[in-house]
C-alpha atoms as a PDB file:
ATOM      1  CA  UNK A   1       3.008  -1.010  12.000  1.00  0.00           C
ATOM      2  CA  UNK A   2       5.421   0.069   9.264  1.00  0.00           C
ATOM      3  CA  UNK A   3       7.087  -2.902   7.567  1.00  0.00           C
ATOM      4  CA  UNK A   4      10.827  -3.081   8.170  1.00  0.00           C
ATOM      5  CA  UNK A   5      11.489  -5.612   5.405  1.00  0.00           C
ATOM      6  CA  UNK A   6      10.486  -5.523   1.733  1.00  0.00           C
ATOM      7  CA  UNK A   7       7.189  -7.302   1.103  1.00  0.00           C
ATOM      8  CA  UNK A   8       7.156  -9.694  -1.858  1.00  0.00           C
ATOM      9  CA  UNK A   9       3.989 -11.305  -3.238  1.00  0.00           C
ATOM     10  CA  UNK A  10       4.403 -14.846  -4.585  1.00  0.00           C
ATOM     11  CA  UNK A  11       1.588 -16.364  -6.625  1.00  0.00           C
ATOM     12  CA  UNK A  12       1.576 -20.149  -6.147  1.00  0.00           C
ATOM     13  CA  UNK A  13       0.475 -20.825  -9.724  1.00  0.00           C
ATOM     14  CA  UNK A  14      -1.290 -23.831 -11.206  1.00  0.00           C
ATOM     15  CA  UNK A  15      -2.586 -25.841  -8.218  1.00  0.00           C
ATOM     16  CA  UNK A  16      -2.004 -29.184  -9.970  1.00  0.00           C
ATOM     17  CA  UNK A  17       1.644 -28.301 -10.659  1.00  0.00           C
ATOM     18  CA  UNK A  18       4.776 -27.930  -8.575  1.00  0.00           C
ATOM     19  CA  UNK A  19       4.237 -24.282  -7.602  1.00  0.00           C
ATOM     20  CA  UNK A  20       2.461 -24.869  -4.280  1.00  0.00           C
ATOM     21  CA  UNK A  21       5.125 -27.234  -2.949  1.00  0.00           C
ATOM     22  CA  UNK A  22       8.038 -25.045  -4.066  1.00  0.00           C
ATOM     23  CA  UNK A  23       6.770 -22.205  -1.878  1.00  0.00           C
ATOM     24  CA  UNK A  24       7.867 -24.039   1.262  1.00  0.00           C
ATOM     25  CA  UNK A  25      11.507 -23.752   0.189  1.00  0.00           C
ATOM     26  CA  UNK A  26      11.434 -19.988   0.720  1.00  0.00           C
ATOM     27  CA  UNK A  27      11.377 -19.894   4.513  1.00  0.00           C
ATOM     28  CA  UNK A  28      15.122 -19.180   4.580  1.00  0.00           C
ATOM     29  CA  UNK A  29      14.520 -16.039   2.468  1.00  0.00           C
ATOM     30  CA  UNK A  30      11.838 -14.810   4.859  1.00  0.00           C
ATOM     31  CA  UNK A  31      14.503 -13.513   7.235  1.00  0.00           C
ATOM     32  CA  UNK A  32      15.396 -10.656   4.869  1.00  0.00           C
ATOM     33  CA  UNK A  33      11.980 -10.024   3.303  1.00  0.00           C
ATOM     34  CA  UNK A  34       8.305 -10.618   3.938  1.00  0.00           C
ATOM     35  CA  UNK A  35       7.348 -13.481   1.646  1.00  0.00           C
ATOM     36  CA  UNK A  36       3.589 -13.500   1.112  1.00  0.00           C
ATOM     37  CA  UNK A  37       2.377 -16.598  -0.727  1.00  0.00           C
ATOM     38  CA  UNK A  38      -0.962 -16.169  -2.487  1.00  0.00           C
ATOM     39  CA  UNK A  39      -2.943 -19.389  -2.680  1.00  0.00           C
ATOM     40  CA  UNK A  40      -5.313 -21.772  -0.972  1.00  0.00           C
ATOM     41  CA  UNK A  41      -3.991 -22.217   2.574  1.00  0.00           C
ATOM     42  CA  UNK A  42      -5.175 -25.823   2.865  1.00  0.00           C
ATOM     43  CA  UNK A  43      -3.561 -26.767  -0.443  1.00  0.00           C
ATOM     44  CA  UNK A  44      -0.270 -25.120   0.509  1.00  0.00           C
ATOM     45  CA  UNK A  45      -0.114 -26.888   3.868  1.00  0.00           C
ATOM     46  CA  UNK A  46      -0.973 -30.264   2.321  1.00  0.00           C
ATOM     47  CA  UNK A  47       1.388 -30.007  -0.638  1.00  0.00           C
ATOM     48  CA  UNK A  48       4.320 -28.630   1.356  1.00  0.00           C
ATOM     49  CA  UNK A  49       4.092 -30.233   4.818  1.00  0.00           C
ATOM     50  CA  UNK A  50       7.782 -29.583   5.506  1.00  0.00           C
ATOM     51  CA  UNK A  51       7.067 -25.854   5.409  1.00  0.00           C
ATOM     52  CA  UNK A  52       3.678 -25.820   7.108  1.00  0.00           C
ATOM     53  CA  UNK A  53       5.171 -24.954  10.502  1.00  0.00           C
ATOM     54  CA  UNK A  54       6.651 -21.768   9.068  1.00  0.00           C
ATOM     55  CA  UNK A  55       3.372 -20.568   7.520  1.00  0.00           C
ATOM     56  CA  UNK A  56       1.347 -17.765   9.108  1.00  0.00           C
ATOM     57  CA  UNK A  57      -1.825 -15.978   7.921  1.00  0.00           C
ATOM     58  CA  UNK A  58      -1.057 -12.732   6.114  1.00  0.00           C
ATOM     59  CA  UNK A  59      -2.216  -9.464   7.611  1.00  0.00           C
ATOM     60  CA  UNK A  60      -1.420  -6.273   5.712  1.00  0.00           C
ATOM     61  CA  UNK A  61      -1.317  -4.266   8.920  1.00  0.00           C
ATOM     62  CA  UNK A  62       1.085  -6.576  10.741  1.00  0.00           C
ATOM     63  CA  UNK A  63       4.340  -8.341  10.114  1.00  0.00           C
ATOM     64  CA  UNK A  64       5.019 -11.999  10.851  1.00  0.00           C
ATOM     65  CA  UNK A  65       8.247 -12.987  12.612  1.00  0.00           C
ATOM     66  CA  UNK A  66      11.376 -13.234  10.483  1.00  0.00           C
ATOM     67  CA  UNK A  67      11.586 -16.720   9.000  1.00  0.00           C
ATOM     68  CA  UNK A  68       7.828 -17.131   8.645  1.00  0.00           C
ATOM     69  CA  UNK A  69       6.085 -17.479   5.293  1.00  0.00           C
ATOM     70  CA  UNK A  70       2.876 -15.468   5.217  1.00  0.00           C
ATOM     71  CA  UNK A  71      -0.116 -16.929   3.380  1.00  0.00           C
ATOM     72  CA  UNK A  72      -2.748 -14.736   1.770  1.00  0.00           C
ATOM     73  CA  UNK A  73      -5.576 -17.238   1.497  1.00  0.00           C
ATOM     74  CA  UNK A  74      -7.434 -17.330  -1.815  1.00  0.00           C
ATOM     75  CA  UNK A  75      -9.703 -20.376  -1.997  1.00  0.00           C
ATOM     76  CA  UNK A  76      -9.632 -22.926  -4.789  1.00  0.00           C
ATOM     77  CA  UNK A  77     -12.705 -23.176  -6.986  1.00  0.00           C
ATOM     78  CA  UNK A  78     -12.481 -27.005  -6.914  1.00  0.00           C
ATOM     79  CA  UNK A  79     -10.328 -29.566  -5.072  1.00  0.00           C
ATOM     80  CA  UNK A  80      -6.868 -29.824  -6.660  1.00  0.00           C
ATOM     81  CA  UNK A  81      -5.112 -33.115  -7.351  1.00  0.00           C
ATOM     82  CA  UNK A  82      -1.368 -33.110  -8.025  1.00  0.00           C
ATOM     83  CA  UNK A  83      -0.695 -33.744 -11.696  1.00  0.00           C
ATOM     84  CA  UNK A  84      -4.342 -33.473 -12.812  1.00  0.00           C
ATOM     85  CA  UNK A  85      -5.402 -30.248 -14.509  1.00  0.00           C
ATOM     86  CA  UNK A  86      -8.929 -28.952 -13.950  1.00  0.00           C
ATOM     87  CA  UNK A  87     -10.513 -26.091 -15.895  1.00  0.00           C
ATOM     88  CA  UNK A  88     -12.598 -25.250 -12.812  1.00  0.00           C
ATOM     89  CA  UNK A  89      -9.495 -23.755 -11.173  1.00  0.00           C
ATOM     90  CA  UNK A  90      -8.507 -21.508 -14.104  1.00  0.00           C
ATOM     91  CA  UNK A  91     -10.321 -18.477 -12.579  1.00  0.00           C
ATOM     92  CA  UNK A  92      -8.481 -19.154  -9.302  1.00  0.00           C
ATOM     93  CA  UNK A  93      -5.108 -18.977 -11.072  1.00  0.00           C
ATOM     94  CA  UNK A  94      -5.958 -15.604 -12.602  1.00  0.00           C
ATOM     95  CA  UNK A  95      -7.329 -14.364  -9.287  1.00  0.00           C
ATOM     96  CA  UNK A  96      -3.901 -14.948  -7.742  1.00  0.00           C
ATOM     97  CA  UNK A  97      -2.307 -12.793 -10.432  1.00  0.00           C
ATOM     98  CA  UNK A  98      -4.910 -10.054 -10.114  1.00  0.00           C
ATOM     99  CA  UNK A  99      -4.523  -9.815  -6.340  1.00  0.00           C
ATOM    100  CA  UNK A 100      -0.713  -9.676  -6.492  1.00  0.00           C
ATOM    101  CA  UNK A 101      -0.747  -7.122  -9.333  1.00  0.00           C
ATOM    102  CA  UNK A 102      -3.236  -4.871  -7.550  1.00  0.00           C
ATOM    103  CA  UNK A 103      -1.253  -5.094  -4.323  1.00  0.00           C
ATOM    104  CA  UNK A 104       1.894  -4.014  -6.153  1.00  0.00           C
ATOM    105  CA  UNK A 105       0.141  -1.123  -7.885  1.00  0.00           C
ATOM    106  CA  UNK A 106      -1.099   0.315  -4.601  1.00  0.00           C
ATOM    107  CA  UNK A 107       2.200  -0.199  -2.777  1.00  0.00           C
ATOM    108  CA  UNK A 108       1.124  -3.066  -0.525  1.00  0.00           C
ATOM    109  CA  UNK A 109       3.808  -5.267  -2.124  1.00  0.00           C
ATOM    110  CA  UNK A 110       7.177  -4.167  -3.441  1.00  0.00           C
ATOM    111  CA  UNK A 111       7.281  -6.828  -6.164  1.00  0.00           C
ATOM    112  CA  UNK A 112       5.512  -9.938  -7.384  1.00  0.00           C
ATOM    113  CA  UNK A 113       6.995 -13.342  -8.198  1.00  0.00           C
ATOM    114  CA  UNK A 114       5.019 -15.880 -10.194  1.00  0.00           C
ATOM    115  CA  UNK A 115       5.170 -19.657  -9.944  1.00  0.00           C
ATOM    116  CA  UNK A 116       4.313 -21.430 -13.216  1.00  0.00           C
ATOM    117  CA  UNK A 117       0.826 -21.584 -14.699  1.00  0.00           C
ATOM    118  CA  UNK A 118      -0.535 -23.821 -17.437  1.00  0.00           C
ATOM    119  CA  UNK A 119      -1.594 -21.658 -20.375  1.00  0.00           C
ATOM    120  CA  UNK A 120      -3.473 -24.483 -22.074  1.00  0.00           C
ATOM    121  CA  UNK A 121      -5.880 -25.214 -19.239  1.00  0.00           C
ATOM    122  CA  UNK A 122      -6.709 -21.511 -18.826  1.00  0.00           C
ATOM    123  CA  UNK A 123      -7.560 -21.301 -22.529  1.00  0.00           C
ATOM    124  CA  UNK A 124      -9.534 -24.553 -22.311  1.00  0.00           C
ATOM    125  CA  UNK A 125     -11.642 -22.839 -19.641  1.00  0.00           C
ATOM    126  CA  UNK A 126     -12.627 -20.205 -22.199  1.00  0.00           C
ATOM    127  CA  UNK A 127     -10.319 -17.486 -20.839  1.00  0.00           C
ATOM    128  CA  UNK A 128      -7.866 -16.222 -23.506  1.00  0.00           C
ATOM    129  CA  UNK A 129      -4.381 -16.254 -21.984  1.00  0.00           C
ATOM    130  CA  UNK A 130      -1.039 -16.233 -23.798  1.00  0.00           C
ATOM    131  CA  UNK A 131       1.172 -15.891 -20.732  1.00  0.00           C
ATOM    132  CA  UNK A 132       2.032 -13.926 -17.598  1.00  0.00           C
ATOM    133  CA  UNK A 133       3.912 -11.278 -19.580  1.00  0.00           C
ATOM    134  CA  UNK A 134       1.065 -10.443 -21.929  1.00  0.00           C
ATOM    135  CA  UNK A 135      -1.599 -10.705 -19.207  1.00  0.00           C
ATOM    136  CA  UNK A 136       0.161  -8.281 -16.890  1.00  0.00           C
ATOM    137  CA  UNK A 137       0.859  -5.870 -19.745  1.00  0.00           C
ATOM    138  CA  UNK A 138      -2.794  -5.897 -20.807  1.00  0.00           C
ATOM    139  CA  UNK A 139      -4.203  -5.514 -17.305  1.00  0.00           C
ATOM    140  CA  UNK A 140      -1.867  -2.629 -16.413  1.00  0.00           C
ATOM    141  CA  UNK A 141      -2.469  -0.877 -19.755  1.00  0.00           C
ATOM    142  CA  UNK A 142       1.245  -1.102 -20.569  1.00  0.00           C
ATOM    143  CA  UNK A 143       1.701  -0.640 -24.332  1.00  0.00           C
ATOM    144  CA  UNK A 144       4.967  -2.557 -24.593  1.00  0.00           C
ATOM    145  CA  UNK A 145       6.975  -4.776 -22.287  1.00  0.00           C
ATOM    146  CA  UNK A 146      10.242  -6.650 -22.741  1.00  0.00           C
ATOM    147  CA  UNK A 147      10.916 -10.228 -21.709  1.00  0.00           C
ATOM    148  CA  UNK A 148      14.312 -10.823 -20.144  1.00  0.00           C
ATOM    149  CA  UNK A 149      15.720 -14.053 -18.792  1.00  0.00           C
ATOM    150  CA  UNK A 150      18.618 -13.968 -16.376  1.00  0.00           C
ATOM    151  CA  UNK A 151      20.676 -16.292 -14.245  1.00  0.00           C
ATOM    152  CA  UNK A 152      23.991 -16.861 -12.562  1.00  0.00           C
ATOM    153  CA  UNK A 153      26.599 -18.434 -14.820  1.00  0.00           C
ATOM    154  CA  UNK A 154      27.812 -20.871 -12.160  1.00  0.00           C
ATOM    155  CA  UNK A 155      26.259 -22.623  -9.173  1.00  0.00           C
ATOM    156  CA  UNK A 156      27.459 -20.016  -6.714  1.00  0.00           C
ATOM    157  CA  UNK A 157      25.747 -17.003  -5.196  1.00  0.00           C
ATOM    158  CA  UNK A 158      28.887 -15.020  -6.075  1.00  0.00           C
ATOM    159  CA  UNK A 159      28.775 -15.943  -9.775  1.00  0.00           C
ATOM    160  CA  UNK A 160      28.089 -13.170 -12.316  1.00  0.00           C
ATOM    161  CA  UNK A 161      24.659 -12.823 -13.908  1.00  0.00           C
ATOM    162  CA  UNK A 162      23.880 -13.317 -17.580  1.00  0.00           C
ATOM    163  CA  UNK A 163      20.880 -11.242 -18.731  1.00  0.00           C
ATOM    164  CA  UNK A 164      19.289 -11.880 -22.114  1.00  0.00           C
ATOM    165  CA  UNK A 165      16.385  -9.729 -23.317  1.00  0.00           C
ATOM    166  CA  UNK A 166      14.315 -10.414 -26.437  1.00  0.00           C
ATOM    167  CA  UNK A 167      13.358  -8.087 -29.266  1.00  0.00           C
ATOM    168  CA  UNK A 168      10.566 -10.533 -30.191  1.00  0.00           C
ATOM    169  CA  UNK A 169       9.079 -13.282 -28.043  1.00  0.00           C
ATOM    170  CA  UNK A 170       6.705 -16.113 -28.939  1.00  0.00           C
ATOM    171  CA  UNK A 171       6.565 -15.742 -32.708  1.00  0.00           C
ATOM    172  CA  UNK A 172       6.969 -18.238 -35.516  1.00  0.00           C
ATOM    173  CA  UNK A 173      10.441 -17.832 -36.967  1.00  0.00           C
ATOM    174  CA  UNK A 174       8.963 -16.829 -40.332  1.00  0.00           C
ATOM    175  CA  UNK A 175       7.262 -13.852 -38.657  1.00  0.00           C
ATOM    176  CA  UNK A 176      10.313 -12.498 -36.844  1.00  0.00           C
ATOM    177  CA  UNK A 177      11.886 -10.245 -39.524  1.00  0.00           C
ATOM    178  CA  UNK A 178       8.685  -8.283 -40.111  1.00  0.00           C
ATOM    179  CA  UNK A 179       8.273  -7.756 -36.359  1.00  0.00           C
ATOM    180  CA  UNK A 180      11.672  -6.072 -36.019  1.00  0.00           C
ATOM    181  CA  UNK A 181      11.082  -2.468 -37.027  1.00  0.00           C
ATOM    182  CA  UNK A 182      13.005   0.690 -36.200  1.00  0.00           C
ATOM    183  CA  UNK A 183      10.220   1.775 -33.875  1.00  0.00           C
ATOM    184  CA  UNK A 184       9.888  -1.531 -32.027  1.00  0.00           C
ATOM    185  CA  UNK A 185      13.641  -1.991 -31.636  1.00  0.00           C
ATOM    186  CA  UNK A 186      14.095   1.575 -30.378  1.00  0.00           C
ATOM    187  CA  UNK A 187      11.362   1.095 -27.770  1.00  0.00           C
ATOM    188  CA  UNK A 188      12.767  -2.262 -26.659  1.00  0.00           C
ATOM    189  CA  UNK A 189      16.270  -0.902 -26.160  1.00  0.00           C
ATOM    190  CA  UNK A 190      15.006   2.118 -24.240  1.00  0.00           C
ATOM    191  CA  UNK A 191      12.958  -0.100 -21.922  1.00  0.00           C
ATOM    192  CA  UNK A 192      15.933  -2.404 -21.363  1.00  0.00           C
ATOM    193  CA  UNK A 193      18.341   0.483 -20.730  1.00  0.00           C
ATOM    194  CA  UNK A 194      15.935   2.196 -18.323  1.00  0.00           C
ATOM    195  CA  UNK A 195      15.256  -1.031 -16.384  1.00  0.00           C
ATOM    196  CA  UNK A 196      18.958  -1.755 -15.977  1.00  0.00           C
ATOM    197  CA  UNK A 197      19.393   1.709 -14.494  1.00  0.00           C
ATOM    198  CA  UNK A 198      16.305   1.896 -12.281  1.00  0.00           C
ATOM    199  CA  UNK A 199      15.680  -1.706 -11.235  1.00  0.00           C
ATOM    200  CA  UNK A 200      19.224  -3.082 -11.248  1.00  0.00           C
ATOM    201  CA  UNK A 201      21.090   0.024 -10.093  1.00  0.00           C
ATOM    202  CA  UNK A 202      23.512   0.080 -13.062  1.00  0.00           C
ATOM    203  CA  UNK A 203      24.385   3.720 -13.698  1.00  0.00           C
ATOM    204  CA  UNK A 204      25.695   3.323 -17.258  1.00  0.00           C
ATOM    205  CA  UNK A 205      24.553  -0.016 -18.663  1.00  0.00           C
ATOM    206  CA  UNK A 206      26.348  -1.584 -21.592  1.00  0.00           C
ATOM    207  CA  UNK A 207      24.198  -3.725 -23.873  1.00  0.00           C
ATOM    208  CA  UNK A 208      25.363  -6.176 -26.541  1.00  0.00           C
ATOM    209  CA  UNK A 209      22.941  -6.321 -29.472  1.00  0.00           C
ATOM    210  CA  UNK A 210      22.779  -9.402 -31.691  1.00  0.00           C
ATOM    211  CA  UNK A 211      22.220  -9.247 -35.409  1.00  0.00           C
ATOM    212  CA  UNK A 212      19.238 -11.029 -36.901  1.00  0.00           C
ATOM    213  CA  UNK A 213      21.014 -12.962 -39.652  1.00  0.00           C
ATOM    214  CA  UNK A 214      24.007 -15.313 -39.615  1.00  0.00           C
ATOM    215  CA  UNK A 215      27.258 -13.353 -39.331  1.00  0.00           C
ATOM    216  CA  UNK A 216      25.109 -10.245 -38.650  1.00  0.00           C
ATOM    217  CA  UNK A 217      24.166 -10.205 -42.324  1.00  0.00           C
ATOM    218  CA  UNK A 218      27.695 -10.534 -43.742  1.00  0.00           C
ATOM    219  CA  UNK A 219      27.618  -6.980 -45.079  1.00  0.00           C
ATOM    220  CA  UNK A 220      24.213  -7.483 -46.672  1.00  0.00           C
ATOM    221  CA  UNK A 221      24.983 -10.790 -48.400  1.00  0.00           C
ATOM    222  CA  UNK A 222      22.968 -12.802 -45.822  1.00  0.00           C
ATOM    223  CA  UNK A 223      20.217 -10.270 -45.167  1.00  0.00           C
ATOM    224  CA  UNK A 224      19.795  -6.517 -44.977  1.00  0.00           C
ATOM    225  CA  UNK A 225      18.023  -6.075 -41.622  1.00  0.00           C
ATOM    226  CA  UNK A 226      21.306  -5.164 -39.918  1.00  0.00           C
ATOM    227  CA  UNK A 227      21.989  -2.425 -42.516  1.00  0.00           C
ATOM    228  CA  UNK A 228      18.470  -1.057 -42.883  1.00  0.00           C
ATOM    229  CA  UNK A 229      17.042  -1.399 -39.365  1.00  0.00           C
ATOM    230  CA  UNK A 230      19.359  -2.482 -36.563  1.00  0.00           C
ATOM    231  CA  UNK A 231      22.436  -0.318 -37.227  1.00  0.00           C
ATOM    232  CA  UNK A 232      20.469   2.936 -37.758  1.00  0.00           C
ATOM    233  CA  UNK A 233      18.601   2.359 -34.492  1.00  0.00           C
ATOM    234  CA  UNK A 234      21.830   1.691 -32.587  1.00  0.00           C
ATOM    235  CA  UNK A 235      23.479   4.797 -34.043  1.00  0.00           C
ATOM    236  CA  UNK A 236      20.523   6.998 -33.096  1.00  0.00           C
ATOM    237  CA  UNK A 237      20.456   5.688 -29.538  1.00  0.00           C
ATOM    238  CA  UNK A 238      24.225   5.988 -29.170  1.00  0.00           C
ATOM    239  CA  UNK A 239      23.813   9.665 -30.017  1.00  0.00           C
ATOM    240  CA  UNK A 240      21.485   9.871 -26.977  1.00  0.00           C
ATOM    241  CA  UNK A 241      24.185   8.390 -24.742  1.00  0.00           C
ATOM    242  CA  UNK A 242      23.261   4.697 -24.639  1.00  0.00           C
ATOM    243  CA  UNK A 243      26.194   2.262 -24.622  1.00  0.00           C
ATOM    244  CA  UNK A 244      25.376  -0.291 -27.303  1.00  0.00           C
ATOM    245  CA  UNK A 245      27.678  -2.768 -29.054  1.00  0.00           C
ATOM    246  CA  UNK A 246      26.486  -4.321 -32.287  1.00  0.00           C
ATOM    247  CA  UNK A 247      24.948  -5.642 -34.303  1.00  0.00           C
ATOM    248  CA  UNK A 248      27.108  -8.639 -33.389  1.00  0.00           C
ATOM    249  CA  UNK A 249      27.020 -12.145 -34.872  1.00  0.00           C
ATOM    250  CA  UNK A 250      25.001 -14.221 -32.419  1.00  0.00           C
ATOM    251  CA  UNK A 251      27.253 -17.275 -32.723  1.00  0.00           C
ATOM    252  CA  UNK A 252      30.243 -15.381 -31.311  1.00  0.00           C
ATOM    253  CA  UNK A 253      28.453 -12.890 -29.061  1.00  0.00           C
ATOM    254  CA  UNK A 254      28.203 -15.190 -26.027  1.00  0.00           C
ATOM    255  CA  UNK A 255      31.910 -15.481 -25.309  1.00  0.00           C
ATOM    256  CA  UNK A 256      33.516 -14.551 -21.976  1.00  0.00           C
ATOM    257  CA  UNK A 257      35.580 -11.734 -23.492  1.00  0.00           C
ATOM    258  CA  UNK A 258      32.482  -9.849 -24.655  1.00  0.00           C
ATOM    259  CA  UNK A 259      30.156 -10.774 -21.815  1.00  0.00           C
ATOM    260  CA  UNK A 260      32.668  -9.717 -19.155  1.00  0.00           C
ATOM    261  CA  UNK A 261      32.123  -6.039 -19.911  1.00  0.00           C
ATOM    262  CA  UNK A 262      28.402  -6.193 -20.637  1.00  0.00           C
ATOM    263  CA  UNK A 263      25.330  -5.839 -18.443  1.00  0.00           C
ATOM    264  CA  UNK A 264      22.811  -7.437 -20.815  1.00  0.00           C
ATOM    265  CA  UNK A 265      22.365  -8.947 -24.258  1.00  0.00           C
ATOM    266  CA  UNK A 266      19.501  -8.173 -26.626  1.00  0.00           C
ATOM    267  CA  UNK A 267      18.678 -11.153 -28.847  1.00  0.00           C
ATOM    268  CA  UNK A 268      16.456 -10.686 -31.870  1.00  0.00           C
ATOM    269  CA  UNK A 269      14.293 -13.765 -31.280  1.00  0.00           C
ATOM    270  CA  UNK A 270      13.467 -16.410 -28.695  1.00  0.00           C
ATOM    271  CA  UNK A 271      15.720 -19.284 -29.741  1.00  0.00           C
ATOM    272  CA  UNK A 272      18.649 -17.044 -30.612  1.00  0.00           C
ATOM    273  CA  UNK A 273      19.395 -16.127 -27.021  1.00  0.00           C
ATOM    274  CA  UNK A 274      17.509 -18.366 -24.628  1.00  0.00           C
ATOM    275  CA  UNK A 275      19.173 -21.722 -25.369  1.00  0.00           C
ATOM    276  CA  UNK A 276      22.507 -20.163 -24.365  1.00  0.00           C
ATOM    277  CA  UNK A 277      20.994 -18.610 -21.235  1.00  0.00           C
ATOM    278  CA  UNK A 278      19.311 -21.818 -20.125  1.00  0.00           C
ATOM    279  CA  UNK A 279      22.418 -23.888 -20.760  1.00  0.00           C
ATOM    280  CA  UNK A 280      24.637 -21.472 -18.848  1.00  0.00           C
ATOM    281  CA  UNK A 281      22.433 -20.985 -15.780  1.00  0.00           C
ATOM    282  CA  UNK A 282      22.182 -24.579 -14.521  1.00  0.00           C
ATOM    283  CA  UNK A 283      18.410 -24.574 -13.946  1.00  0.00           C
ATOM    284  CA  UNK A 284      18.578 -21.397 -11.855  1.00  0.00           C
ATOM    285  CA  UNK A 285      17.427 -19.005 -14.569  1.00  0.00           C
ATOM    286  CA  UNK A 286      14.546 -16.614 -14.048  1.00  0.00           C
ATOM    287  CA  UNK A 287      12.134 -14.613 -16.204  1.00  0.00           C
ATOM    288  CA  UNK A 288      11.761 -10.849 -15.669  1.00  0.00           C
ATOM    289  CA  UNK A 289       9.175  -8.593 -17.290  1.00  0.00           C
ATOM    290  CA  UNK A 290      10.597  -5.150 -18.019  1.00  0.00           C
ATOM    291  CA  UNK A 291       8.532  -2.040 -18.710  1.00  0.00           C
ATOM    292  CA  UNK A 292       5.655  -2.747 -16.306  1.00  0.00           C
ATOM    293  CA  UNK A 293       4.735  -0.218 -13.606  1.00  0.00           C
ATOM    294  CA  UNK A 294       5.574  -2.981 -11.089  1.00  0.00           C
ATOM    295  CA  UNK A 295       8.429  -5.428 -10.518  1.00  0.00           C
ATOM    296  CA  UNK A 296       7.644  -8.945 -11.734  1.00  0.00           C
ATOM    297  CA  UNK A 297       9.956 -11.952 -11.804  1.00  0.00           C
ATOM    298  CA  UNK A 298       9.225 -15.609 -12.414  1.00  0.00           C
ATOM    299  CA  UNK A 299      10.707 -19.058 -12.736  1.00  0.00           C
ATOM    300  CA  UNK A 300      11.895 -20.078 -16.194  1.00  0.00           C
ATOM    301  CA  UNK A 301      10.240 -23.513 -16.125  1.00  0.00           C
ATOM    302  CA  UNK A 302       6.754 -24.928 -16.426  1.00  0.00           C
ATOM    303  CA  UNK A 303       4.282 -26.640 -14.121  1.00  0.00           C
ATOM    304  CA  UNK A 304       6.066 -30.041 -14.221  1.00  0.00           C
ATOM    305  CA  UNK A 305       2.870 -32.005 -13.659  1.00  0.00           C
ATOM    306  CA  UNK A 306       4.823 -35.267 -13.566  1.00  0.00           C
ATOM    307  CA  UNK A 307       6.779 -34.051 -10.519  1.00  0.00           C
ATOM    308  CA  UNK A 308       3.868 -32.446  -8.634  1.00  0.00           C
ATOM    309  CA  UNK A 309       3.339 -33.988  -5.238  1.00  0.00           C
ATOM    310  CA  UNK A 310       6.507 -36.111  -5.375  1.00  0.00           C
ATOM    311  CA  UNK A 311       8.768 -33.814  -3.377  1.00  0.00           C
ATOM    312  CA  UNK A 312      11.442 -34.010  -6.102  1.00  0.00           C
ATOM    313  CA  UNK A 313      10.905 -30.591  -7.698  1.00  0.00           C
ATOM    314  CA  UNK A 314      13.911 -28.246  -7.648  1.00  0.00           C
ATOM    315  CA  UNK A 315      13.186 -24.837  -6.104  1.00  0.00           C
ATOM    316  CA  UNK A 316      16.401 -23.241  -7.385  1.00  0.00           C
ATOM    317  CA  UNK A 317      14.750 -21.059 -10.025  1.00  0.00           C
ATOM    318  CA  UNK A 318      12.033 -19.851  -7.635  1.00  0.00           C
ATOM    319  CA  UNK A 319      14.586 -18.961  -4.965  1.00  0.00           C
ATOM    320  CA  UNK A 320      16.568 -16.948  -7.530  1.00  0.00           C
ATOM    321  CA  UNK A 321      13.379 -15.220  -8.726  1.00  0.00           C
ATOM    322  CA  UNK A 322      12.544 -14.163  -5.167  1.00  0.00           C
ATOM    323  CA  UNK A 323      16.078 -12.941  -4.500  1.00  0.00           C
ATOM    324  CA  UNK A 324      16.008 -10.908  -7.736  1.00  0.00           C
ATOM    325  CA  UNK A 325      12.613  -9.420  -6.868  1.00  0.00           C
ATOM    326  CA  UNK A 326      13.904  -8.324  -3.461  1.00  0.00           C
ATOM    327  CA  UNK A 327      16.976  -6.693  -5.014  1.00  0.00           C
ATOM    328  CA  UNK A 328      14.987  -5.029  -7.811  1.00  0.00           C
ATOM    329  CA  UNK A 329      12.391  -3.676  -5.397  1.00  0.00           C
ATOM    330  CA  UNK A 330      15.177  -2.174  -3.250  1.00  0.00           C
ATOM    331  CA  UNK A 331      16.936  -0.656  -6.287  1.00  0.00           C
ATOM    332  CA  UNK A 332      13.667   0.811  -7.536  1.00  0.00           C
ATOM    333  CA  UNK A 333      12.919   2.334  -4.147  1.00  0.00           C
ATOM    334  CA  UNK A 334      16.389   3.872  -4.049  1.00  0.00           C
ATOM    335  CA  UNK A 335      15.982   5.281  -7.555  1.00  0.00           C
ATOM    336  CA  UNK A 336      12.644   6.857  -6.649  1.00  0.00           C
ATOM    337  CA  UNK A 337      14.211   8.409  -3.573  1.00  0.00           C
ATOM    338  CA  UNK A 338      16.881   9.975  -5.773  1.00  0.00           C
ATOM    339  CA  UNK A 339      19.772   8.148  -4.232  1.00  0.00           C
END
């Protein structure tokens, strides 16, 4: 049977965290897309009893009724207790990612969404892991990816989106300037521009680019990276047809007048752009990995071990991540079809 709705893989994440219980909140989204939750079926039913009635076993060759959440059962390595990390389940967490990634690569799934994992417990198990972004890049042989966080700027489905991509990610602040080179910045901007066109359906994206230094270097008096690196890159890419504004002082970049005509912002480092994004998106922000051969979105929060099993966790970010994955998968399919 040919699927009539997009098929989205959702990894349920760290089994001691809030991921498994958040999955039950997605049954309303299952009317417009096939939501396939990857995880231990017994754990999912126990941790999210309010959604158990909507859960059905996943079968690649069939399609569950609209409104059902399909479960692709992957068994735990050890019993999971809410709030209590266990290194024995670290391989299970990575197995969820591997299965979703492989399904996307072969076209079984149109996109993957990831619930939060706990990087520390995976490393404690002797498995080097710096995050979803790096893991998926490494295991798909993708030389460079770009992290972008996005979210609606008001608590309304009609509110505009703010998209903030990063030129550097999880680096000590002292290491940031050396990591911003002409080559790396050029690649980052091309990946961002291409993703906005192909995965978001924006024909001519406009990107605001922040400077690295206060006041974008103040003409070289507060740093020369804007003069020697950022501006030459922007000029070269503008000559290729990219619409780029900058380098702009970061403290005045995030104002309504500038954001109103922009499709994304490129910040030079993690804490330059993400505090603004997280403040503005009311806990509904999401993380998107650009440059992969697949669509991947995620929540922008952690495992919240203190909330696991209490029923008080907010599913807003996960719902937004699923909605974005559905839209990006559809835009990508349309782009590939030449429409």
